[in-house]
């Protein structure tokens, strides 16, 4: 089945059509996590701080409605350990060479302070990386190899986006720079040196690119769509997609980073999409008319070929490998959750336990990595976000709800 053919139609007319009905897109905004006291893995000493302010297939029994997972893709024995109690805004993995250490770098939602905890050193205690206070942070993306972060928080009904560059030494100052207010969504380039973001306009949305700290911003494109998400999976291409909503037509677009040329990729109701590291494949989920449940496809950008995935992750719960452009990791529910689940999940009204999967977009193969709460360790959890280490030996994930941070060892 070729969903792109079914929904695009022929030529540019399909793009114009979807731009027309896109004016009727109305979505519920994501609810920021409520800040609460955080307790780290061990003792953390907070020094003087700087304050920032003002500025799947239907039915069936078994895992995920798929009958044959235990037969074809056995769960490997992985070690899952809790890294930090919540609430955590976001986490990444940093690897140092002198000494050779893998660090979990995470942000406390209580005060926005940033900590490092070695994953491969038994009994390690978190170390403060930044004590710049940013209370109420609810989303963050890492830049410049983890040496900086862009965080969003609410202040007086205004969405603030702030760049924080961590000091290279205890005597160096923390670099703080504000981006424009009320950014709809933002993404960091694969090399961590640039940021792309969306701002509302009277006619829809405009996209901008800038240095990671927000300086040197340039307008790249405009679209007659107001409810959009943006990601930066490959160096030369942005992925822009409408927010997923049950029963509402959606679209995913490719945007050339140099020229700003916008190209339609896929259409479909309930659409949510994710691209691999070289933008050769787009993984998207949609619920075609008459289908009992959403289906997840791999769409080949060059040529438009498509195939259905046997395991059906939600693309927005995926992250790319940092060592292979065709490998990505996803969380997906352990059991069938039915149509409209993502709407309830975004609103915080539904939650089910997830397992962790690895996909290879080039070969189309998938592997079950771990199931928290099983013999792999950890506790059953609804996984909120994922981060992979540069060598693919570790995964980090944050749980939805208490937003605690967990680590998974993938290899030696």
Protein backbone atom coordinates (compact mmCIF):
# COMPACT_ATOMS: atom_id res chain seq x y z
CA UNK A 1 0.00 0.00 0.00
CA UNK A 2 1.38 3.39 -1.00
CA UNK A 3 -0.02 6.02 1.38
CA UNK A 4 1.92 8.79 -0.34
CA UNK A 5 0.17 8.01 -3.62
CA UNK A 6 -3.20 7.81 -1.89
CA UNK A 7 -2.96 11.20 -0.23
CA UNK A 8 -0.68 13.32 -2.33
CA UNK A 9 -2.57 12.82 -5.57
CA UNK A 10 -0.73 14.22 -8.54
CA UNK A 11 1.75 17.10 -8.45
CA UNK A 12 1.59 20.33 -6.51
CA UNK A 13 -2.22 20.25 -6.26
CA UNK A 14 -1.93 17.95 -3.26
CA UNK A 15 0.32 20.42 -1.44
CA UNK A 16 -2.07 23.29 -2.14
CA UNK A 17 -4.99 21.21 -0.93
CA UNK A 18 -3.37 20.28 2.34
CA UNK A 19 -2.34 23.89 2.90
CA UNK A 20 -6.00 24.78 2.53
CA UNK A 21 -7.39 22.35 5.04
CA UNK A 22 -4.44 22.94 7.36
CA UNK A 23 -6.02 26.24 8.38
CA UNK A 24 -8.54 24.13 10.30
CA UNK A 25 -5.87 22.40 12.41
CA UNK A 26 -6.47 22.99 16.13
CA UNK A 27 -4.39 21.15 18.68
CA UNK A 28 -4.09 20.95 22.42
CA UNK A 29 -0.72 22.41 23.58
CA UNK A 30 1.61 20.20 25.56
CA UNK A 31 1.38 20.71 29.32
CA UNK A 32 4.69 21.57 30.95
CA UNK A 33 5.79 19.33 33.78
CA UNK A 34 5.10 20.78 37.21
CA UNK A 35 8.34 21.53 39.00
CA UNK A 36 8.93 19.49 42.16
CA UNK A 37 11.90 18.80 44.41
CA UNK A 38 14.52 16.62 42.76
CA UNK A 39 16.77 14.19 44.54
CA UNK A 40 19.93 13.11 42.79
CA UNK A 41 21.77 9.81 42.78
CA UNK A 42 23.96 10.62 45.76
CA UNK A 43 24.87 13.94 47.34
CA UNK A 44 24.93 17.09 45.25
CA UNK A 45 26.47 20.28 46.59
CA UNK A 46 24.93 23.42 45.08
CA UNK A 47 27.26 26.38 44.92
CA UNK A 48 26.24 30.00 44.47
CA UNK A 49 23.67 30.06 41.70
CA UNK A 50 22.74 32.51 38.98
CA UNK A 51 19.02 33.12 38.45
CA UNK A 52 17.57 33.46 34.94
CA UNK A 53 14.22 35.23 34.58
CA UNK A 54 12.32 37.78 32.58
CA UNK A 55 13.77 37.81 29.62
CA UNK A 56 -0.37 -0.43 15.71
CA UNK A 57 -2.30 -3.08 14.33
CA UNK A 58 -5.73 -3.59 15.93
CA UNK A 59 -6.81 -6.39 18.20
CA UNK A 60 -4.89 -9.52 18.92
CA UNK A 61 -3.13 -10.62 22.05
CA UNK A 62 0.51 -10.29 22.99
CA UNK A 63 2.95 -7.40 23.02
CA UNK A 64 1.77 -4.36 21.03
CA UNK A 65 -0.87 -6.52 19.31
CA UNK A 66 1.90 -8.45 17.50
CA UNK A 67 1.79 -12.22 17.96
CA UNK A 68 5.34 -13.19 17.02
CA UNK A 69 7.70 -10.86 18.89
CA UNK A 70 8.90 -13.47 21.36
CA UNK A 71 9.52 -15.89 18.51
CA UNK A 72 11.31 -13.66 16.01
CA UNK A 73 12.96 -10.97 18.14
CA UNK A 74 13.80 -12.30 21.63
CA UNK A 75 14.42 -9.70 24.31
CA UNK A 76 18.14 -9.44 25.04
CA UNK A 77 19.23 -9.31 28.66
CA UNK A 78 20.05 -5.67 29.31
CA UNK A 79 20.89 -3.96 32.54
CA UNK A 80 18.56 -1.07 33.35
CA UNK A 81 19.44 1.18 36.29
CA UNK A 82 18.01 4.37 37.73
CA UNK A 83 20.36 7.30 37.12
CA UNK A 84 18.48 10.11 38.87
CA UNK A 85 15.14 10.54 40.59
CA UNK A 86 12.80 13.01 38.96
CA UNK A 87 11.78 15.42 37.87
CA UNK A 88 14.38 15.69 35.10
CA UNK A 89 13.85 18.09 32.18
CA UNK A 90 16.13 16.30 29.71
CA UNK A 91 19.32 14.25 29.55
CA UNK A 92 22.13 13.45 27.14
CA UNK A 93 25.26 11.31 27.16
CA UNK A 94 28.73 12.86 27.01
CA UNK A 95 31.90 10.82 26.58
CA UNK A 96 35.26 12.12 27.72
CA UNK A 97 38.68 10.74 26.77
CA UNK A 98 40.86 11.98 29.63
CA UNK A 99 39.80 10.02 31.57
CA UNK A 100 37.67 7.77 29.37
CA UNK A 101 34.25 8.14 30.96
CA UNK A 102 30.63 8.02 29.83
CA UNK A 103 28.61 10.72 31.59
CA UNK A 104 24.87 11.10 31.96
CA UNK A 105 24.29 14.88 31.80
CA UNK A 106 20.86 15.91 33.02
CA UNK A 107 18.84 18.96 34.08
CA UNK A 108 16.87 19.19 37.30
CA UNK A 109 13.35 20.50 36.66
CA UNK A 110 13.31 22.01 40.14
CA UNK A 111 15.89 24.70 39.45
CA UNK A 112 17.40 24.09 36.00
CA UNK A 113 20.79 23.09 37.43
CA UNK A 114 22.81 20.67 35.30
CA UNK A 115 24.62 17.61 36.66
CA UNK A 116 27.03 14.93 35.41
CA UNK A 117 27.00 11.36 36.66
CA UNK A 118 29.46 8.73 35.33
CA UNK A 119 27.58 5.67 34.08
CA UNK A 120 30.58 3.36 34.24
CA UNK A 121 31.94 4.28 37.71
CA UNK A 122 30.31 2.38 40.59
CA UNK A 123 29.34 4.58 43.52
CA UNK A 124 29.86 7.82 41.58
CA UNK A 125 28.31 11.03 42.87
CA UNK A 126 26.75 13.69 40.58
CA UNK A 127 28.87 16.77 39.85
CA UNK A 128 27.44 20.24 39.22
CA UNK A 129 28.04 21.41 35.65
CA UNK A 130 25.91 24.56 35.76
CA UNK A 131 24.19 26.21 38.71
CA UNK A 132 22.35 28.81 36.63
CA UNK A 133 18.81 28.75 38.02
CA UNK A 134 15.99 28.34 35.49
CA UNK A 135 12.90 27.19 37.40
CA UNK A 136 10.02 25.52 35.62
CA UNK A 137 11.89 24.21 32.60
CA UNK A 138 9.77 21.71 30.67
CA UNK A 139 11.75 21.05 27.49
CA UNK A 140 15.43 21.16 26.53
CA UNK A 141 17.68 20.23 23.61
CA UNK A 142 21.44 19.83 23.84
CA UNK A 143 23.90 21.74 21.64
CA UNK A 144 27.63 21.85 20.95
CA UNK A 145 28.32 18.27 21.97
CA UNK A 146 26.46 18.62 25.26
CA UNK A 147 28.45 21.69 26.35
CA UNK A 148 25.36 23.87 25.98
CA UNK A 149 21.60 23.50 26.20
CA UNK A 150 18.54 25.34 24.91
CA UNK A 151 15.69 25.21 27.41
CA UNK A 152 12.09 26.36 27.35
CA UNK A 153 10.03 27.53 30.32
CA UNK A 154 6.92 29.64 30.91
CA UNK A 155 6.96 33.08 32.49
CA UNK A 156 3.80 35.11 32.75
CA UNK A 157 2.15 33.18 29.96
CA UNK A 158 5.10 33.73 27.63
CA UNK A 159 7.21 30.85 26.35
CA UNK A 160 10.87 31.66 26.96
CA UNK A 161 13.73 29.89 25.18
CA UNK A 162 17.18 30.36 26.68
CA UNK A 163 20.63 29.20 25.60
CA UNK A 164 22.98 28.23 28.44
CA UNK A 165 26.64 27.55 27.61
CA UNK A 166 28.41 25.71 30.38
CA UNK A 167 31.68 27.14 31.74
CA UNK A 168 34.85 25.36 30.66
CA UNK A 169 36.33 25.87 34.13
CA UNK A 170 35.19 26.87 37.59
CA UNK A 171 36.43 30.42 36.99
CA UNK A 172 34.77 30.90 33.58
CA UNK A 173 31.33 32.55 33.38
CA UNK A 174 28.16 30.76 32.27
CA UNK A 175 26.98 32.06 28.91
CA UNK A 176 23.28 32.95 28.81
CA UNK A 177 21.46 34.17 25.70
CA UNK A 178 17.71 34.50 25.06
CA UNK A 179 16.08 33.56 21.77
CA UNK A 180 12.80 35.17 20.60
CA UNK A 181 9.73 34.78 22.81
CA UNK A 182 6.97 32.29 22.02
CA UNK A 183 8.93 29.93 19.80
CA UNK A 184 6.48 27.26 18.61
CA UNK A 185 9.09 24.55 18.28
CA UNK A 186 12.86 24.31 17.79
CA UNK A 187 15.53 21.83 16.74
CA UNK A 188 19.32 21.62 17.00
CA UNK A 189 21.49 20.66 14.01
CA UNK A 190 23.25 17.26 14.06
CA UNK A 191 26.61 18.94 14.75
CA UNK A 192 25.08 20.95 17.60
CA UNK A 193 26.27 24.29 16.22
CA UNK A 194 22.98 25.68 14.90
CA UNK A 195 19.32 25.94 15.84
CA UNK A 196 16.16 26.11 13.74
CA UNK A 197 12.92 27.44 15.19
CA UNK A 198 9.35 28.32 14.25
CA UNK A 199 7.48 31.55 15.00
CA UNK A 200 3.80 32.30 14.42
CA UNK A 201 2.80 34.76 11.71
CA UNK A 202 -0.63 36.17 10.76
CA UNK A 203 -0.63 33.77 7.82
CA UNK A 204 0.80 30.68 9.52
CA UNK A 205 4.42 30.07 10.56
CA UNK A 206 7.94 31.10 9.57
CA UNK A 207 11.12 29.11 10.08
CA UNK A 208 14.48 30.60 11.07
CA UNK A 209 18.00 29.28 11.45
CA UNK A 210 20.67 30.74 13.73
CA UNK A 211 23.80 29.88 15.65
CA UNK A 212 23.10 27.63 18.62
CA UNK A 213 22.98 30.65 20.94
CA UNK A 214 20.38 32.34 18.73
CA UNK A 215 22.65 34.96 17.17
CA UNK A 216 22.74 35.64 13.42
CA UNK A 217 19.15 34.51 12.85
CA UNK A 218 17.92 34.36 9.25
CA UNK A 219 14.44 33.62 7.95
CA UNK A 220 14.49 30.42 5.88
CA UNK A 221 10.87 29.67 4.90
CA UNK A 222 7.20 30.47 5.54
CA UNK A 223 4.17 28.16 5.48
CA UNK A 224 0.41 28.75 5.71
CA UNK A 225 0.28 26.28 8.62
CA UNK A 226 0.17 27.26 12.27
CA UNK A 227 0.46 24.02 14.25
CA UNK A 228 3.84 22.55 13.31
CA UNK A 229 6.76 20.60 14.72
CA UNK A 230 10.34 20.86 13.47
CA UNK A 231 13.34 18.53 13.65
CA UNK A 232 16.84 18.59 12.15
CA UNK A 233 17.76 14.96 11.41
CA UNK A 234 20.44 15.47 8.73
CA UNK A 235 22.87 18.36 8.12
CA UNK A 236 21.17 19.72 4.99
CA UNK A 237 17.48 19.03 5.62
CA UNK A 238 14.82 19.97 8.15
CA UNK A 239 11.70 17.88 8.75
CA UNK A 240 8.59 19.98 9.36
CA UNK A 241 5.32 18.22 10.17
CA UNK A 242 1.86 19.10 11.42
CA UNK A 243 1.08 18.15 15.00
CA UNK A 244 -0.66 14.82 15.29
CA UNK A 245 -4.36 14.82 16.15
CA UNK A 246 -6.89 12.01 15.90
CA UNK A 247 -8.89 12.12 12.67
CA UNK A 248 -7.17 15.29 11.43
CA UNK A 249 -5.25 15.27 8.10
CA UNK A 250 -1.51 15.80 8.52
CA UNK A 251 1.49 16.53 6.34
CA UNK A 252 5.27 16.09 6.59
CA UNK A 253 7.60 18.35 4.59
CA UNK A 254 11.32 18.49 3.84
CA UNK A 255 13.01 21.91 3.97
CA UNK A 256 16.41 22.49 2.38
CA UNK A 257 18.62 24.25 4.95
CA UNK A 258 20.48 26.35 2.34
CA UNK A 259 17.72 27.31 -0.10
CA UNK A 260 14.61 27.08 2.07
CA UNK A 261 12.87 25.05 -0.65
CA UNK A 262 9.92 23.11 0.82
CA UNK A 263 9.06 19.67 -0.59
CA UNK A 264 6.04 17.54 0.47
CA UNK A 265 6.85 14.05 1.69
CA UNK A 266 3.79 12.23 3.05
CA UNK A 267 0.17 12.95 3.92
CA UNK A 268 -2.34 11.12 6.08
CA UNK A 269 -4.75 11.43 9.01
CA UNK A 270 -3.29 11.22 12.53
CA UNK A 271 0.17 11.75 11.01
CA UNK A 272 3.33 11.74 13.11
CA UNK A 273 6.77 11.49 11.45
CA UNK A 274 10.51 11.04 12.09
CA UNK A 275 13.49 10.96 9.66
CA UNK A 276 16.73 8.99 9.82
CA UNK A 277 20.17 10.58 9.98
CA UNK A 278 20.78 11.03 6.25
CA UNK A 279 17.16 11.84 5.37
CA UNK A 280 16.92 8.84 3.09
CA UNK A 281 13.93 7.43 4.97
CA UNK A 282 10.98 8.93 6.83
CA UNK A 283 9.28 6.80 9.45
CA UNK A 284 5.69 7.87 9.82
CA UNK A 285 2.48 6.67 11.38
CA UNK A 286 -1.02 7.28 10.04
CA UNK A 287 -4.45 5.72 10.24
CA UNK A 288 -5.78 5.23 6.69
CA UNK A 289 -9.55 5.41 6.09
CA UNK A 290 -11.15 2.14 7.11
CA UNK A 291 -8.14 0.93 9.11
CA UNK A 292 -8.90 -0.29 12.62
CA UNK A 293 -5.66 1.14 14.04
CA UNK A 294 -2.69 3.30 13.05
CA UNK A 295 0.02 1.78 10.86
CA UNK A 296 3.71 2.73 10.80
CA UNK A 297 5.59 2.95 7.50
CA UNK A 298 9.14 3.49 6.30
CA UNK A 299 8.98 5.90 3.35
CA UNK A 300 11.99 6.06 1.00
CA UNK A 301 12.52 9.74 0.18
CA UNK A 302 14.13 9.08 -3.21
CA UNK A 303 11.59 7.15 -5.26
CA UNK A 304 8.76 7.07 -2.72
CA UNK A 305 8.80 3.32 -1.99
CA UNK A 306 7.12 2.34 1.28
CA UNK A 307 6.88 -0.66 3.55
CA UNK A 308 4.92 -1.35 6.71
CA UNK A 309 6.78 -2.01 9.97
CA UNK A 310 5.80 -5.18 11.82
CA UNK A 311 6.54 -3.46 15.14
CA UNK A 312 4.72 -0.16 15.33
CA UNK A 313 6.47 2.59 17.33
CA UNK A 314 5.25 6.15 17.64
CA UNK A 315 7.79 8.17 15.60
CA UNK A 316 7.86 11.01 18.13
CA UNK A 317 9.17 8.52 20.71
CA UNK A 318 12.26 7.78 18.61
CA UNK A 319 15.83 9.08 18.55
CA UNK A 320 18.65 8.55 16.08
CA UNK A 321 21.83 6.62 16.69
CA UNK A 322 24.86 8.88 16.95
CA UNK A 323 27.14 6.41 15.17
CA UNK A 324 24.92 5.16 12.31
CA UNK A 325 22.59 7.29 10.20
CA UNK A 326 20.30 4.34 9.44
CA UNK A 327 19.81 3.15 13.03
CA UNK A 328 17.30 4.64 15.40
CA UNK A 329 15.84 3.73 18.80
CA UNK A 330 12.20 3.93 19.81
CA UNK A 331 9.88 3.33 22.74
CA UNK A 332 6.57 1.65 21.97
CA UNK A 333 3.68 0.41 24.13
CA UNK A 334 3.89 -3.18 25.34
CA UNK A 335 0.22 -3.66 24.50
CA UNK A 336 -2.26 -2.37 21.95
CA UNK A 337 -3.62 1.00 23.03
CA UNK A 338 -6.21 1.76 20.34
CA UNK A 339 -6.91 4.74 18.12
CA UNK A 340 -6.59 8.23 19.57
CA UNK A 341 -4.03 7.19 22.19
CA UNK A 342 -1.52 9.90 21.23
CA UNK A 343 -4.09 12.65 21.85
CA UNK A 344 -4.70 11.31 25.35
CA UNK A 345 -0.95 10.77 25.89
CA UNK A 346 -0.15 14.38 24.97
CA UNK A 347 -2.85 15.59 27.37
CA UNK A 348 -1.50 13.43 30.20
CA UNK A 349 -4.75 11.45 30.31
CA UNK A 350 -3.33 8.07 29.22
CA UNK A 351 -0.19 6.10 30.00
CA UNK A 352 0.97 2.54 29.34
CA UNK A 353 4.24 0.69 29.84
CA UNK A 354 6.74 0.82 26.96
CA UNK A 355 9.49 -1.39 25.64
CA UNK A 356 12.63 -0.28 23.78
CA UNK A 357 13.27 -1.14 20.13
CA UNK A 358 16.08 -0.65 17.63
CA UNK A 359 15.33 -0.18 13.91
CA UNK A 360 17.53 -0.14 10.83
CA UNK A 361 15.89 1.94 8.12
CA UNK A 362 18.25 0.66 5.42
CA UNK A 363 17.51 -3.03 6.00
CA UNK A 364 14.04 -2.67 7.49
CA UNK A 365 14.94 -4.92 10.43
CA UNK A 366 13.93 -4.36 14.04
CA UNK A 367 15.11 -5.70 17.39
CA UNK A 368 13.57 -5.58 20.84
CA UNK A 369 16.28 -4.18 23.11
CA UNK A 370 14.75 -4.18 26.57
CA UNK A 371 11.48 -4.16 28.49
CA UNK A 372 11.70 -2.13 31.71
CA UNK A 373 10.18 -4.03 34.60
CA UNK A 374 11.13 -7.42 33.18
CA UNK A 375 14.28 -9.44 33.90
CA UNK A 376 16.12 -6.59 32.12
CA UNK A 377 15.72 -4.53 35.30
CA UNK A 378 14.07 -1.25 36.13
CA UNK A 379 10.34 -0.71 36.50
CA UNK A 380 7.53 -0.68 33.97
CA UNK A 381 7.32 2.84 32.62
CA UNK A 382 5.85 5.15 30.02
CA UNK A 383 8.99 6.44 28.30
CA UNK A 384 9.01 10.16 27.56
CA UNK A 385 12.30 10.72 25.72
CA UNK A 386 15.41 8.84 24.63
CA UNK A 387 19.11 9.69 24.21
CA UNK A 388 21.87 7.47 22.82
CA UNK A 389 25.58 7.57 23.62
CA UNK A 390 28.05 8.42 20.82
CA UNK A 391 29.24 4.79 20.72
CA UNK A 392 25.73 3.30 21.04
CA UNK A 393 26.69 1.45 24.23
CA UNK A 394 24.12 3.26 26.37
CA UNK A 395 20.62 4.64 26.17
CA UNK A 396 19.03 7.10 28.57
CA UNK A 397 15.31 7.56 28.95
CA UNK A 398 13.04 9.77 31.03
CA UNK A 399 9.76 8.38 32.35
CA UNK A 400 6.54 10.27 31.81
CA UNK A 401 4.90 11.34 35.06
CA UNK A 402 7.65 11.41 37.68
CA UNK A 403 10.26 12.16 34.97
CA UNK A 404 12.93 10.02 36.59
CA UNK A 405 16.06 9.21 34.56
CA UNK A 406 17.11 5.65 33.68
CA UNK A 407 20.05 4.14 31.82
CA UNK A 408 20.23 1.02 29.64
CA UNK A 409 23.53 -0.70 28.86
CA UNK A 410 23.46 -1.86 25.23
CA UNK A 411 26.98 -3.22 24.85
CA UNK A 412 30.39 -3.53 26.45
